[in-house]
C-alpha atoms as a PDB file:
ATOM      1  CA  UNK A   1     108.492 130.607 140.977  1.00  0.00           C
ATOM      2  CA  UNK A   2     112.036 131.087 142.266  1.00  0.00           C
ATOM      3  CA  UNK A   3     113.886 134.084 140.914  1.00  0.00           C
ATOM      4  CA  UNK A   4     117.597 133.706 140.580  1.00  0.00           C
ATOM      5  CA  UNK A   5     120.310 136.227 140.103  1.00  0.00           C
ATOM      6  CA  UNK A   6     121.672 135.368 136.638  1.00  0.00           C
ATOM      7  CA  UNK A   7     125.174 136.375 137.705  1.00  0.00           C
ATOM      8  CA  UNK A   8     125.195 133.878 140.586  1.00  0.00           C
ATOM      9  CA  UNK A   9     124.463 130.944 138.282  1.00  0.00           C
ATOM     10  CA  UNK A  10     128.136 129.981 137.956  1.00  0.00           C
ATOM     11  CA  UNK A  11     129.269 130.898 141.460  1.00  0.00           C
ATOM     12  CA  UNK A  12     130.843 128.358 143.768  1.00  0.00           C
ATOM     13  CA  UNK A  13     128.343 126.156 145.551  1.00  0.00           C
ATOM     14  CA  UNK A  14     128.651 125.806 149.333  1.00  0.00           C
ATOM     15  CA  UNK A  15     130.165 122.344 148.817  1.00  0.00           C
ATOM     16  CA  UNK A  16     132.732 123.625 146.323  1.00  0.00           C
ATOM     17  CA  UNK A  17     133.633 126.519 148.599  1.00  0.00           C
ATOM     18  CA  UNK A  18     134.099 124.157 151.535  1.00  0.00           C
ATOM     19  CA  UNK A  19     136.601 122.136 149.481  1.00  0.00           C
ATOM     20  CA  UNK A  20     138.546 125.213 148.360  1.00  0.00           C
ATOM     21  CA  UNK A  21     138.495 127.306 151.508  1.00  0.00           C
ATOM     22  CA  UNK A  22     141.114 125.320 153.406  1.00  0.00           C
ATOM     23  CA  UNK A  23     143.498 125.435 150.424  1.00  0.00           C
ATOM     24  CA  UNK A  24     143.591 129.219 150.144  1.00  0.00           C
ATOM     25  CA  UNK A  25     146.066 131.550 151.827  1.00  0.00           C
ATOM     26  CA  UNK A  26     144.954 133.220 155.022  1.00  0.00           C
ATOM     27  CA  UNK A  27     144.069 136.902 154.597  1.00  0.00           C
ATOM     28  CA  UNK A  28     146.818 139.302 155.593  1.00  0.00           C
ATOM     29  CA  UNK A  29     146.356 140.988 158.960  1.00  0.00           C
ATOM     30  CA  UNK A  30     148.721 143.825 158.145  1.00  0.00           C
ATOM     31  CA  UNK A  31     147.473 147.390 158.245  1.00  0.00           C
ATOM     32  CA  UNK A  32     145.462 149.034 155.532  1.00  0.00           C
ATOM     33  CA  UNK A  33     142.207 148.002 153.959  1.00  0.00           C
ATOM     34  CA  UNK A  34     141.002 144.430 154.597  1.00  0.00           C
ATOM     35  CA  UNK A  35     141.537 142.069 151.692  1.00  0.00           C
ATOM     36  CA  UNK A  36     138.544 141.218 149.503  1.00  0.00           C
ATOM     37  CA  UNK A  37     136.938 137.905 150.427  1.00  0.00           C
ATOM     38  CA  UNK A  38     138.502 134.957 148.518  1.00  0.00           C
ATOM     39  CA  UNK A  39     135.112 133.482 147.656  1.00  0.00           C
ATOM     40  CA  UNK A  40     133.891 136.695 146.018  1.00  0.00           C
ATOM     41  CA  UNK A  41     137.143 137.074 144.091  1.00  0.00           C
ATOM     42  CA  UNK A  42     137.113 133.457 142.873  1.00  0.00           C
ATOM     43  CA  UNK A  43     133.491 133.842 141.786  1.00  0.00           C
ATOM     44  CA  UNK A  44     134.581 136.916 139.828  1.00  0.00           C
ATOM     45  CA  UNK A  45     137.401 134.954 138.209  1.00  0.00           C
ATOM     46  CA  UNK A  46     134.950 132.201 137.303  1.00  0.00           C
ATOM     47  CA  UNK A  47     132.614 134.788 135.757  1.00  0.00           C
ATOM     48  CA  UNK A  48     135.450 136.106 133.574  1.00  0.00           C
ATOM     49  CA  UNK A  49     136.486 132.587 132.524  1.00  0.00           C
ATOM     50  CA  UNK A  50     132.882 131.585 131.813  1.00  0.00           C
ATOM     51  CA  UNK A  51     131.958 134.672 129.794  1.00  0.00           C
ATOM     52  CA  UNK A  52     135.254 135.507 128.129  1.00  0.00           C
ATOM     53  CA  UNK A  53     134.612 139.172 128.936  1.00  0.00           C
ATOM     54  CA  UNK A  54     137.446 141.642 129.524  1.00  0.00           C
ATOM     55  CA  UNK A  55     138.402 142.259 133.147  1.00  0.00           C
ATOM     56  CA  UNK A  56     136.974 145.781 133.000  1.00  0.00           C
ATOM     57  CA  UNK A  57     133.504 144.341 132.327  1.00  0.00           C
ATOM     58  CA  UNK A  58     133.452 142.386 135.592  1.00  0.00           C
ATOM     59  CA  UNK A  59     130.134 143.055 137.410  1.00  0.00           C
ATOM     60  CA  UNK A  60     130.478 145.237 140.508  1.00  0.00           C
ATOM     61  CA  UNK A  61     129.154 142.486 142.780  1.00  0.00           C
ATOM     62  CA  UNK A  62     132.547 140.749 142.484  1.00  0.00           C
ATOM     63  CA  UNK A  63     134.513 143.805 143.537  1.00  0.00           C
ATOM     64  CA  UNK A  64     136.954 145.980 141.659  1.00  0.00           C
ATOM     65  CA  UNK A  65     138.202 144.347 138.489  1.00  0.00           C
ATOM     66  CA  UNK A  66     141.756 145.368 139.431  1.00  0.00           C
ATOM     67  CA  UNK A  67     141.503 143.406 142.678  1.00  0.00           C
ATOM     68  CA  UNK A  68     140.091 140.292 141.030  1.00  0.00           C
ATOM     69  CA  UNK A  69     142.531 140.293 138.114  1.00  0.00           C
ATOM     70  CA  UNK A  70     145.420 141.147 140.436  1.00  0.00           C
ATOM     71  CA  UNK A  71     144.753 138.138 142.624  1.00  0.00           C
ATOM     72  CA  UNK A  72     144.272 135.875 139.610  1.00  0.00           C
ATOM     73  CA  UNK A  73     147.635 136.865 138.109  1.00  0.00           C
ATOM     74  CA  UNK A  74     149.480 136.882 141.444  1.00  0.00           C
ATOM     75  CA  UNK A  75     148.273 133.363 142.217  1.00  0.00           C
ATOM     76  CA  UNK A  76     149.201 132.238 138.715  1.00  0.00           C
ATOM     77  CA  UNK A  77     152.708 133.669 139.068  1.00  0.00           C
ATOM     78  CA  UNK A  78     153.208 132.105 142.512  1.00  0.00           C
ATOM     79  CA  UNK A  79     151.941 128.685 141.421  1.00  0.00           C
ATOM     80  CA  UNK A  80     148.961 128.858 143.793  1.00  0.00           C
ATOM     81  CA  UNK A  81     146.485 127.583 141.159  1.00  0.00           C
ATOM     82  CA  UNK A  82     148.675 124.537 140.465  1.00  0.00           C
ATOM     83  CA  UNK A  83     148.939 123.849 144.208  1.00  0.00           C
ATOM     84  CA  UNK A  84     145.172 124.025 144.598  1.00  0.00           C
ATOM     85  CA  UNK A  85     144.610 121.686 141.653  1.00  0.00           C
ATOM     86  CA  UNK A  86     147.163 119.189 142.950  1.00  0.00           C
ATOM     87  CA  UNK A  87     145.588 119.148 146.433  1.00  0.00           C
ATOM     88  CA  UNK A  88     142.077 118.697 145.034  1.00  0.00           C
ATOM     89  CA  UNK A  89     143.303 115.837 142.848  1.00  0.00           C
ATOM     90  CA  UNK A  90     145.019 114.210 145.847  1.00  0.00           C
ATOM     91  CA  UNK A  91     141.811 114.432 147.890  1.00  0.00           C
ATOM     92  CA  UNK A  92     139.729 112.974 145.071  1.00  0.00           C
ATOM     93  CA  UNK A  93     142.249 110.177 144.538  1.00  0.00           C
ATOM     94  CA  UNK A  94     142.306 109.335 148.247  1.00  0.00           C
ATOM     95  CA  UNK A  95     138.501 109.179 148.246  1.00  0.00           C
ATOM     96  CA  UNK A  96     138.510 106.906 145.181  1.00  0.00           C
ATOM     97  CA  UNK A  97     136.817 109.579 143.080  1.00  0.00           C
ATOM     98  CA  UNK A  98     139.720 110.430 140.758  1.00  0.00           C
ATOM     99  CA  UNK A  99     139.817 108.632 137.432  1.00  0.00           C
END
């Protein structure tokens, strides 16, 4: 029997991550603490969207809720989510997969 972490059930698959990774901003190399990994943060955002839980209830495995929510709102304000969606739709359309 395979045991699975119930939290990881809705995380990005390797294939999904491969599609998204190239569309995300490069981590800042400025001083200070290194930025939290995009994949972990996006998985945290997906957990919040899937469960409908408040940000403060985000499981620790996704990092600090302030970091995850901060990136979500910053990307929303900057239009990053719309850019990602548009690029994914363009790729799917070019591959004949977009209906």
